[in-house]
């Protein structure tokens, strides 16, 4: 009899324990679906008079959860309409540069509750076929958002493509433009490394960096090599300045974004007229990866893809010296135009 009572008691405890664990897992899942768990606070500044157009952060969190469901096909268009969701053209674009840190910058800015990012590179302005589809095609590639949120997209090829400045100007002459740069020689080697990895995945051979970056006939820097040409930042920026004043550009230090991201993000918040919301809490250093990762809330963290931070091949020091000497005058002019100086050799 006693044995049966003990067995019955153990069974009841097991059931109660299972219910408790199930409830806890349900609460964790519900918190995770909010996407951004932060205290209630208004989105102020440029988003309208206080008390009239304030959007509580919890409402934004709910909106992001709804958008996630909509993308999966689990939410109806009627639900989207009732919550005032819209697909709006970008109010800011990260136009470049390739291998400067554009993905990291976009993901970090997405920590801000008033920023909504386009997940994929759209390549609207640099691709003739896409551009021919028209501005409404471009709009429909944008994420759903509140009207008072800022939509941002990034396509690094915009910076170096000749037709892009005029095309963006025709869409919005007052748009804000973000350029993230790294030390030019390091960026060029990073560019090469990405292409090299792609070749190796396909079991293809590829020239060494030195052979591509230096013209074998003249022994001078090969300006026809795209990785070198992209790093001549001032040449590309001068083309953009024919359409936009320098005040509409913000230059982000890509090297500093890796080692000390918060100050750079705070500068971007200010440039975009956003209320300061990104804090040190949202960024934590991952010693294994060697990079900062993102913390959205107590249960949702995110690190950039493993392809970020590739190990660069060893490059002949004489070639590095030659490249740095070549880039130096262009760098000086870039400092002068932008009003921002970097500690580049």
Foldseek 3Di string as FASTA:
>chain_A
DVVVVVVVVVVVVVVVVVVVVVVVVVVLVVVVLLLFDDDWDFWDWPLDDPPPRTDTLSLLSVVVSQLVCVVVVNHDVVVCVVSQWAQDDALEEAQDAVQLCVVVLQVLLVLDSQEDEQPDAPCQQQDPVNVVVDDVSVSVSGGIDHPSGGYYYYDNVLLQRLRNLVVVCVVPLLGAYEYGHEQLLVQLLVVVVVVCVVCVVVVHDDDDPCPQQAPPVVRAGDCVRPSLVSSLNLVSVVSNCVRHPLLSYDYAHSVCCFVPNPVRSVVVCVSVRTDDDDDCVQWDADPVLSGIWGDNDPNDTGDDDSVPPDDGDDDPVVSVVNSLVVSVVSLVVVCVRNVDHDPHD
